């Protein structure tokens, strides 16, 4: 199974939704909370090119946030990415 990393904050409703979707699918993921850590937030921005959370990576490839994750799921592409 693919390695999934998600940058989050404690107060982000989209982060909650993304985590719920992955948990529902039985996908293990590493959560990196950038709420109070500017260095981690900068690392996230550098890796993804985006400032918003969540930022989700599958096998180190940035896929975007919750809306992109949901779109991949709706298209049936998420399972293929996770199985790689």
N, C-alpha and C. Protein backbone atom coordinates (compact mmCIF):
# COMPACT_ATOMS: atom_id res chain seq x y z
N UNK A 1 0.84 -1.18 0.00
CA UNK A 1 0.00 0.00 0.00
C UNK A 1 0.89 1.25 0.00
N UNK A 2 0.39 2.28 -0.58
CA UNK A 2 1.12 3.54 -0.71
C UNK A 2 1.28 4.23 0.64
N UNK A 3 2.30 5.05 0.75
CA UNK A 3 2.53 5.85 1.94
C UNK A 3 1.72 7.15 1.79
N UNK A 4 0.90 7.44 2.79
CA UNK A 4 0.06 8.64 2.77
C UNK A 4 0.47 9.55 3.93
N UNK A 5 0.76 10.79 3.61
CA UNK A 5 1.10 11.81 4.61
C UNK A 5 0.14 12.96 4.43
N UNK A 6 -0.40 13.46 5.56
CA UNK A 6 -1.34 14.57 5.51
C UNK A 6 -0.91 15.65 6.51
N UNK A 7 -0.70 16.85 5.99
CA UNK A 7 -0.44 18.01 6.83
C UNK A 7 -1.78 18.60 7.22
N UNK A 8 -1.96 18.85 8.52
CA UNK A 8 -3.24 19.31 9.04
C UNK A 8 -3.05 20.42 10.07
N UNK A 9 -4.17 20.99 10.49
CA UNK A 9 -4.22 21.83 11.68
C UNK A 9 -5.34 21.31 12.56
N UNK A 10 -5.34 21.72 13.80
CA UNK A 10 -6.33 21.23 14.76
C UNK A 10 -7.73 21.79 14.51
N UNK A 11 -7.83 22.89 13.81
CA UNK A 11 -9.11 23.60 13.66
C UNK A 11 -9.65 23.59 12.24
N UNK A 12 -9.21 22.65 11.43
CA UNK A 12 -9.57 22.63 10.01
C UNK A 12 -10.66 21.59 9.73
N UNK A 13 -11.86 22.03 9.32
CA UNK A 13 -12.92 21.06 9.03
C UNK A 13 -12.61 20.19 7.81
N UNK A 14 -11.87 20.70 6.85
CA UNK A 14 -11.51 19.89 5.68
C UNK A 14 -10.52 18.80 6.06
N UNK A 15 -9.68 19.08 7.05
CA UNK A 15 -8.76 18.06 7.55
C UNK A 15 -9.56 16.91 8.17
N UNK A 16 -10.57 17.25 8.94
CA UNK A 16 -11.42 16.25 9.58
C UNK A 16 -12.08 15.38 8.51
N UNK A 17 -12.57 15.99 7.45
CA UNK A 17 -13.23 15.24 6.38
C UNK A 17 -12.25 14.33 5.64
N UNK A 18 -11.05 14.85 5.37
CA UNK A 18 -10.05 14.04 4.67
C UNK A 18 -9.65 12.84 5.52
N UNK A 19 -9.42 13.05 6.80
CA UNK A 19 -9.06 11.94 7.69
C UNK A 19 -10.19 10.92 7.76
N UNK A 20 -11.43 11.39 7.82
CA UNK A 20 -12.57 10.48 7.88
C UNK A 20 -12.67 9.64 6.61
N UNK A 21 -12.45 10.26 5.45
CA UNK A 21 -12.51 9.52 4.19
C UNK A 21 -11.45 8.43 4.17
N UNK A 22 -10.23 8.78 4.54
CA UNK A 22 -9.16 7.78 4.54
C UNK A 22 -9.41 6.68 5.56
N UNK A 23 -9.88 7.05 6.74
CA UNK A 23 -10.16 6.03 7.76
C UNK A 23 -11.28 5.11 7.30
N UNK A 24 -12.30 5.67 6.66
CA UNK A 24 -13.41 4.87 6.14
C UNK A 24 -12.91 3.83 5.14
N UNK A 25 -11.90 4.20 4.37
CA UNK A 25 -11.32 3.29 3.39
C UNK A 25 -10.29 2.34 4.02
N UNK A 26 -10.00 2.52 5.30
CA UNK A 26 -9.02 1.67 5.97
C UNK A 26 -7.58 2.01 5.63
N UNK A 27 -7.35 3.27 5.24
CA UNK A 27 -6.02 3.70 4.83
C UNK A 27 -5.26 4.28 6.02
N UNK A 28 -4.10 3.74 6.29
CA UNK A 28 -3.23 4.30 7.33
C UNK A 28 -2.53 5.53 6.75
N UNK A 29 -2.37 6.55 7.58
CA UNK A 29 -1.69 7.76 7.12
C UNK A 29 -0.93 8.39 8.27
N UNK A 30 0.09 9.12 7.90
CA UNK A 30 0.86 9.89 8.87
C UNK A 30 0.30 11.30 8.88
N UNK A 31 -0.06 11.79 10.06
CA UNK A 31 -0.60 13.14 10.19
C UNK A 31 0.48 14.05 10.77
N UNK A 32 0.72 15.17 10.10
CA UNK A 32 1.68 16.15 10.58
C UNK A 32 0.90 17.43 10.88
N UNK A 33 0.78 17.74 12.16
CA UNK A 33 0.02 18.92 12.60
C UNK A 33 0.93 20.15 12.52
N UNK A 34 0.55 21.10 11.68
CA UNK A 34 1.35 22.32 11.51
C UNK A 34 0.74 23.51 12.24
N UNK A 35 -0.20 23.26 13.15
CA UNK A 35 -0.92 24.34 13.83
C UNK A 35 0.02 25.36 14.48
N UNK A 36 0.99 24.87 15.21
CA UNK A 36 1.86 25.76 15.98
C UNK A 36 3.32 25.62 15.60
N UNK A 37 3.59 25.15 14.40
CA UNK A 37 4.97 24.92 14.00
C UNK A 37 5.24 25.55 12.63
N UNK A 38 5.78 26.73 12.64
CA UNK A 38 6.01 27.47 11.39
C UNK A 38 7.00 26.75 10.48
N UNK A 39 7.98 26.06 11.05
CA UNK A 39 8.95 25.34 10.23
C UNK A 39 8.29 24.19 9.47
N UNK A 40 7.40 23.46 10.14
CA UNK A 40 6.68 22.38 9.46
C UNK A 40 5.75 22.94 8.39
N UNK A 41 5.11 24.07 8.69
CA UNK A 41 4.22 24.71 7.71
C UNK A 41 5.02 25.12 6.47
N UNK A 42 6.21 25.67 6.67
CA UNK A 42 7.05 26.06 5.54
C UNK A 42 7.48 24.84 4.72
N UNK A 43 7.77 23.74 5.41
CA UNK A 43 8.12 22.50 4.71
C UNK A 43 6.94 22.04 3.85
N UNK A 44 5.71 22.14 4.40
CA UNK A 44 4.52 21.77 3.65
C UNK A 44 4.35 22.64 2.42
N UNK A 45 4.52 23.94 2.58
CA UNK A 45 4.37 24.89 1.47
C UNK A 45 5.40 24.60 0.38
N UNK A 46 6.62 24.35 0.81
CA UNK A 46 7.69 24.05 -0.15
C UNK A 46 7.39 22.77 -0.93
N UNK A 47 6.89 21.76 -0.23
CA UNK A 47 6.62 20.47 -0.88
C UNK A 47 5.39 20.50 -1.78
N UNK A 48 4.38 21.27 -1.39
CA UNK A 48 3.11 21.24 -2.12
C UNK A 48 2.88 22.46 -3.01
N UNK A 49 3.54 23.57 -2.68
CA UNK A 49 3.27 24.81 -3.39
C UNK A 49 1.99 25.48 -2.94
N UNK A 50 1.40 24.99 -1.86
CA UNK A 50 0.14 25.52 -1.33
C UNK A 50 0.26 25.85 0.14
N UNK A 51 -0.56 26.83 0.55
CA UNK A 51 -0.52 27.28 1.93
C UNK A 51 -1.66 26.71 2.78
N UNK A 52 -2.66 26.14 2.14
CA UNK A 52 -3.84 25.67 2.87
C UNK A 52 -3.67 24.24 3.34
N UNK A 53 -4.45 23.88 4.35
CA UNK A 53 -4.49 22.50 4.84
C UNK A 53 -5.89 21.96 4.60
N UNK A 54 -6.03 20.67 4.46
CA UNK A 54 -4.95 19.70 4.48
C UNK A 54 -4.17 19.71 3.17
N UNK A 55 -2.95 19.25 3.26
CA UNK A 55 -2.16 18.93 2.08
C UNK A 55 -1.83 17.45 2.20
N UNK A 56 -2.20 16.71 1.17
CA UNK A 56 -2.10 15.26 1.21
C UNK A 56 -1.10 14.80 0.16
N UNK A 57 -0.25 13.89 0.57
CA UNK A 57 0.77 13.32 -0.31
C UNK A 57 0.60 11.81 -0.34
N UNK A 58 0.63 11.26 -1.53
CA UNK A 58 0.60 9.81 -1.70
C UNK A 58 1.91 9.42 -2.36
N UNK A 59 2.69 8.62 -1.65
CA UNK A 59 4.04 8.25 -2.10
C UNK A 59 4.84 9.50 -2.50
N UNK A 60 4.81 10.49 -1.65
CA UNK A 60 5.55 11.75 -1.79
C UNK A 60 5.06 12.65 -2.91
N UNK A 61 4.01 12.26 -3.62
CA UNK A 61 3.44 13.11 -4.68
C UNK A 61 2.29 13.92 -4.10
N UNK A 62 2.32 15.25 -4.25
CA UNK A 62 1.23 16.06 -3.72
C UNK A 62 -0.04 15.86 -4.54
N UNK A 63 -1.15 15.57 -3.84
CA UNK A 63 -2.42 15.44 -4.56
C UNK A 63 -3.36 16.59 -4.27
N UNK A 64 -3.03 17.42 -3.29
CA UNK A 64 -3.87 18.57 -2.96
C UNK A 64 -4.54 18.38 -1.62
N UNK A 65 -5.74 18.97 -1.50
CA UNK A 65 -6.47 18.94 -0.24
C UNK A 65 -7.65 17.99 -0.29
N UNK A 66 -8.63 18.26 0.59
CA UNK A 66 -9.79 17.37 0.69
C UNK A 66 -10.57 17.30 -0.62
N UNK A 67 -10.78 18.43 -1.26
CA UNK A 67 -11.59 18.43 -2.48
C UNK A 67 -10.94 17.57 -3.58
N UNK A 68 -9.63 17.65 -3.69
CA UNK A 68 -8.92 16.82 -4.67
C UNK A 68 -8.98 15.35 -4.28
N UNK A 69 -8.85 15.07 -2.98
CA UNK A 69 -8.95 13.69 -2.49
C UNK A 69 -10.34 13.13 -2.79
N UNK A 70 -11.37 13.91 -2.52
CA UNK A 70 -12.75 13.49 -2.78
C UNK A 70 -12.98 13.24 -4.28
N UNK A 71 -12.42 14.13 -5.11
CA UNK A 71 -12.56 13.97 -6.56
C UNK A 71 -11.90 12.68 -7.03
N UNK A 72 -10.71 12.38 -6.50
CA UNK A 72 -10.04 11.13 -6.85
C UNK A 72 -10.89 9.94 -6.45
N UNK A 73 -11.49 10.00 -5.29
CA UNK A 73 -12.37 8.92 -4.82
C UNK A 73 -13.58 8.79 -5.73
N UNK A 74 -14.20 9.90 -6.08
CA UNK A 74 -15.39 9.87 -6.94
C UNK A 74 -15.08 9.33 -8.33
N UNK A 75 -13.88 9.58 -8.83
CA UNK A 75 -13.46 9.11 -10.16
C UNK A 75 -12.99 7.66 -10.14
N UNK A 76 -12.81 7.11 -8.94
CA UNK A 76 -12.29 5.76 -8.84
C UNK A 76 -10.78 5.68 -8.94
N UNK A 77 -10.11 6.83 -8.94
CA UNK A 77 -8.66 6.86 -9.11
C UNK A 77 -7.90 6.72 -7.79
N UNK A 78 -8.56 6.99 -6.68
CA UNK A 78 -7.87 6.96 -5.39
C UNK A 78 -7.38 5.55 -5.07
N UNK A 79 -8.20 4.56 -5.29
CA UNK A 79 -7.79 3.18 -4.99
C UNK A 79 -6.57 2.77 -5.81
N UNK A 80 -6.50 3.20 -7.05
CA UNK A 80 -5.33 2.88 -7.89
C UNK A 80 -4.07 3.53 -7.32
N UNK A 81 -4.19 4.79 -6.89
CA UNK A 81 -3.03 5.48 -6.31
C UNK A 81 -2.57 4.80 -5.03
N UNK A 82 -3.53 4.40 -4.22
CA UNK A 82 -3.20 3.78 -2.94
C UNK A 82 -2.61 2.38 -3.11
N UNK A 83 -2.98 1.70 -4.16
CA UNK A 83 -2.49 0.34 -4.38
C UNK A 83 -1.10 0.31 -4.99
N UNK A 84 -0.67 1.42 -5.53
CA UNK A 84 0.63 1.46 -6.23
C UNK A 84 1.79 1.19 -5.29
